[in-house]
Amino acid sequence: MTATPPDAPKRRPPERLADALRAAIRDPLLWPVLIVMALVAATLVAGLLLLALKLHRLPALAGVALLVFASGDLVLREWRRRGFGPTGLVLAVLWLLSATLAGVAHLLGLF
């Protein structure tokens, strides 16, 4: 365990998701990690969208409804605080990427 000097400033964890996203977006060393995380999340949501909309699976429909509600809630909370910020941008990109992946998988006959 390393001891920190008494005069060193204490680092606090980010209080909000937007603060954590803003810090990660500003650091170029984290961009590859963010890209991989976004692609994995978009692939999972695209699969869930395909299950829900093409096969009409009830658990998948409930999952999509829950994700849409949670996304909308996060965006509305951020909008009320200070307008459209990094959380809304990340969620919009993830939903667009997910819908694009689901559409491409459907067009190519993969699902």
C-alpha atoms as a PDB file:
ATOM      1  CA  MET A   1       0.000   0.000   0.000  1.00  0.00           C
ATOM      2  CA  THR A   2       1.464   3.362  -0.969  1.00  0.00           C
ATOM      3  CA  ALA A   3       1.107   6.321   1.291  1.00  0.00           C
ATOM      4  CA  THR A   4       0.009   9.612  -0.224  1.00  0.00           C
ATOM      5  CA  PRO A   5       1.743  12.780   0.857  1.00  0.00           C
ATOM      6  CA  PRO A   6      -0.375  14.935   3.166  1.00  0.00           C
ATOM      7  CA  ASP A   7      -0.198  17.930   0.804  1.00  0.00           C
ATOM      8  CA  ALA A   8      -1.410  15.953  -2.238  1.00  0.00           C
ATOM      9  CA  PRO A   9      -4.909  16.889  -3.454  1.00  0.00           C
ATOM     10  CA  LYS A  10      -7.501  14.229  -2.809  1.00  0.00           C
ATOM     11  CA  ARG A  11      -9.130  12.794  -5.916  1.00  0.00           C
ATOM     12  CA  ARG A  12     -12.830  12.254  -5.649  1.00  0.00           C
ATOM     13  CA  PRO A  13     -14.729   9.807  -7.791  1.00  0.00           C
ATOM     14  CA  PRO A  14     -17.078  11.416 -10.322  1.00  0.00           C
ATOM     15  CA  GLU A  15     -20.472  12.232  -8.853  1.00  0.00           C
ATOM     16  CA  ARG A  16     -22.451  11.780 -12.042  1.00  0.00           C
ATOM     17  CA  LEU A  17     -22.282   9.603 -15.111  1.00  0.00           C
ATOM     18  CA  ALA A  18     -21.818  12.716 -17.228  1.00  0.00           C
ATOM     19  CA  ASP A  19     -18.704  13.660 -15.232  1.00  0.00           C
ATOM     20  CA  ALA A  20     -17.190  10.205 -15.730  1.00  0.00           C
ATOM     21  CA  LEU A  21     -17.988  10.262 -19.458  1.00  0.00           C
ATOM     22  CA  ARG A  22     -16.582  13.749 -19.860  1.00  0.00           C
ATOM     23  CA  ALA A  23     -13.321  12.687 -18.164  1.00  0.00           C
ATOM     24  CA  ALA A  24     -13.056   9.560 -20.309  1.00  0.00           C
ATOM     25  CA  ILE A  25     -13.743  11.459 -23.534  1.00  0.00           C
ATOM     26  CA  ARG A  26     -11.082  14.060 -22.728  1.00  0.00           C
ATOM     27  CA  ASP A  27      -8.367  11.429 -22.199  1.00  0.00           C
ATOM     28  CA  PRO A  28      -7.172  10.165 -25.615  1.00  0.00           C
ATOM     29  CA  LEU A  29      -5.620   7.068 -24.045  1.00  0.00           C
ATOM     30  CA  LEU A  30      -9.111   5.826 -23.118  1.00  0.00           C
ATOM     31  CA  TRP A  31     -10.599   6.234 -26.603  1.00  0.00           C
ATOM     32  CA  PRO A  32      -9.838   2.646 -27.744  1.00  0.00           C
ATOM     33  CA  VAL A  33     -11.450   1.329 -24.561  1.00  0.00           C
ATOM     34  CA  LEU A  34     -14.504   3.531 -25.099  1.00  0.00           C
ATOM     35  CA  ILE A  35     -14.804   2.396 -28.718  1.00  0.00           C
ATOM     36  CA  VAL A  36     -14.672  -1.286 -27.764  1.00  0.00           C
ATOM     37  CA  MET A  37     -17.183  -0.750 -24.951  1.00  0.00           C
ATOM     38  CA  ALA A  38     -19.523   1.097 -27.325  1.00  0.00           C
ATOM     39  CA  LEU A  39     -19.293  -1.639 -29.964  1.00  0.00           C
ATOM     40  CA  VAL A  40     -19.956  -4.398 -27.429  1.00  0.00           C
ATOM     41  CA  ALA A  41     -22.936  -2.528 -25.966  1.00  0.00           C
ATOM     42  CA  ALA A  42     -24.290  -1.753 -29.443  1.00  0.00           C
ATOM     43  CA  THR A  43     -23.959  -5.406 -30.485  1.00  0.00           C
ATOM     44  CA  LEU A  44     -25.837  -6.599 -27.409  1.00  0.00           C
ATOM     45  CA  VAL A  45     -28.598  -4.027 -27.867  1.00  0.00           C
ATOM     46  CA  ALA A  46     -28.813  -4.860 -31.600  1.00  0.00           C
ATOM     47  CA  GLY A  47     -29.329  -8.527 -30.737  1.00  0.00           C
ATOM     48  CA  LEU A  48     -31.977  -7.575 -28.216  1.00  0.00           C
ATOM     49  CA  LEU A  49     -33.695  -5.369 -30.806  1.00  0.00           C
ATOM     50  CA  LEU A  50     -33.702  -8.213 -33.333  1.00  0.00           C
ATOM     51  CA  LEU A  51     -35.137 -10.648 -30.802  1.00  0.00           C
ATOM     52  CA  ALA A  52     -37.806  -8.173 -29.778  1.00  0.00           C
ATOM     53  CA  LEU A  53     -38.868  -6.828 -33.152  1.00  0.00           C
ATOM     54  CA  LYS A  54     -38.366  -9.812 -35.441  1.00  0.00           C
ATOM     55  CA  LEU A  55     -39.187 -12.787 -33.224  1.00  0.00           C
ATOM     56  CA  HIS A  56     -41.545 -10.959 -30.825  1.00  0.00           C
ATOM     57  CA  ARG A  57     -40.015 -12.505 -27.714  1.00  0.00           C
ATOM     58  CA  LEU A  58     -41.680 -11.102 -24.593  1.00  0.00           C
ATOM     59  CA  PRO A  59     -38.526 -10.938 -22.411  1.00  0.00           C
ATOM     60  CA  ALA A  60     -36.700  -9.142 -25.227  1.00  0.00           C
ATOM     61  CA  LEU A  61     -39.595  -6.688 -25.622  1.00  0.00           C
ATOM     62  CA  ALA A  62     -39.476  -6.033 -21.874  1.00  0.00           C
ATOM     63  CA  GLY A  63     -35.701  -5.522 -22.064  1.00  0.00           C
ATOM     64  CA  VAL A  64     -36.016  -3.039 -24.909  1.00  0.00           C
ATOM     65  CA  ALA A  65     -38.775  -1.182 -23.055  1.00  0.00           C
ATOM     66  CA  LEU A  66     -36.605  -1.035 -19.932  1.00  0.00           C
ATOM     67  CA  LEU A  67     -33.591   0.240 -21.901  1.00  0.00           C
ATOM     68  CA  VAL A  68     -35.687   2.885 -23.664  1.00  0.00           C
ATOM     69  CA  PHE A  69     -37.167   4.028 -20.336  1.00  0.00           C
ATOM     70  CA  ALA A  70     -33.749   4.139 -18.617  1.00  0.00           C
ATOM     71  CA  SER A  71     -32.171   6.000 -21.543  1.00  0.00           C
ATOM     72  CA  GLY A  72     -34.983   8.515 -21.635  1.00  0.00           C
ATOM     73  CA  ASP A  73     -34.767   9.037 -17.885  1.00  0.00           C
ATOM     74  CA  LEU A  74     -31.007   9.680 -18.010  1.00  0.00           C
ATOM     75  CA  VAL A  75     -31.347  12.110 -20.907  1.00  0.00           C
ATOM     76  CA  LEU A  76     -34.225  13.994 -19.244  1.00  0.00           C
ATOM     77  CA  ARG A  77     -32.333  14.312 -15.961  1.00  0.00           C
ATOM     78  CA  GLU A  78     -29.305  15.666 -17.784  1.00  0.00           C
ATOM     79  CA  TRP A  79     -31.457  17.994 -19.897  1.00  0.00           C
ATOM     80  CA  ARG A  80     -33.006  19.499 -16.763  1.00  0.00           C
ATOM     81  CA  ARG A  81     -29.584  20.105 -15.199  1.00  0.00           C
ATOM     82  CA  ARG A  82     -27.695  21.742 -18.040  1.00  0.00           C
ATOM     83  CA  GLY A  83     -28.998  20.729 -21.436  1.00  0.00           C
ATOM     84  CA  PHE A  84     -27.919  18.027 -23.824  1.00  0.00           C
ATOM     85  CA  GLY A  85     -24.500  16.811 -22.672  1.00  0.00           C
ATOM     86  CA  PRO A  86     -22.193  13.806 -22.915  1.00  0.00           C
ATOM     87  CA  THR A  87     -24.673  11.282 -21.515  1.00  0.00           C
ATOM     88  CA  GLY A  88     -27.271  12.146 -24.131  1.00  0.00           C
ATOM     89  CA  LEU A  89     -24.662  12.114 -26.872  1.00  0.00           C
ATOM     90  CA  VAL A  90     -23.325   8.702 -25.853  1.00  0.00           C
ATOM     91  CA  LEU A  91     -26.822   7.231 -25.594  1.00  0.00           C
ATOM     92  CA  ALA A  92     -27.845   8.663 -28.972  1.00  0.00           C
ATOM     93  CA  VAL A  93     -24.726   7.221 -30.618  1.00  0.00           C
ATOM     94  CA  LEU A  94     -25.289   3.830 -28.968  1.00  0.00           C
ATOM     95  CA  TRP A  95     -28.939   3.649 -30.057  1.00  0.00           C
ATOM     96  CA  LEU A  96     -28.071   4.702 -33.627  1.00  0.00           C
ATOM     97  CA  LEU A  97     -25.217   2.210 -33.801  1.00  0.00           C
ATOM     98  CA  SER A  98     -27.434  -0.535 -32.381  1.00  0.00           C
ATOM     99  CA  ALA A  99     -30.222   0.167 -34.857  1.00  0.00           C
ATOM    100  CA  THR A 100     -27.706   0.231 -37.721  1.00  0.00           C
ATOM    101  CA  LEU A 101     -26.173  -3.093 -36.668  1.00  0.00           C
ATOM    102  CA  ALA A 102     -29.622  -4.660 -36.312  1.00  0.00           C
ATOM    103  CA  GLY A 103     -30.650  -3.372 -39.742  1.00  0.00           C
ATOM    104  CA  VAL A 104     -27.472  -4.647 -41.398  1.00  0.00           C
ATOM    105  CA  ALA A 105     -27.866  -8.060 -39.730  1.00  0.00           C
ATOM    106  CA  HIS A 106     -31.459  -8.229 -40.954  1.00  0.00           C
ATOM    107  CA  LEU A 107     -30.581  -7.165 -44.504  1.00  0.00           C
ATOM    108  CA  LEU A 108     -27.738  -9.650 -44.753  1.00  0.00           C
ATOM    109  CA  GLY A 109     -29.972 -12.425 -43.503  1.00  0.00           C
ATOM    110  CA  LEU A 110     -27.868 -13.098 -40.431  1.00  0.00           C
ATOM    111  CA  PHE A 111     -30.923 -13.105 -38.225  1.00  0.00           C
END
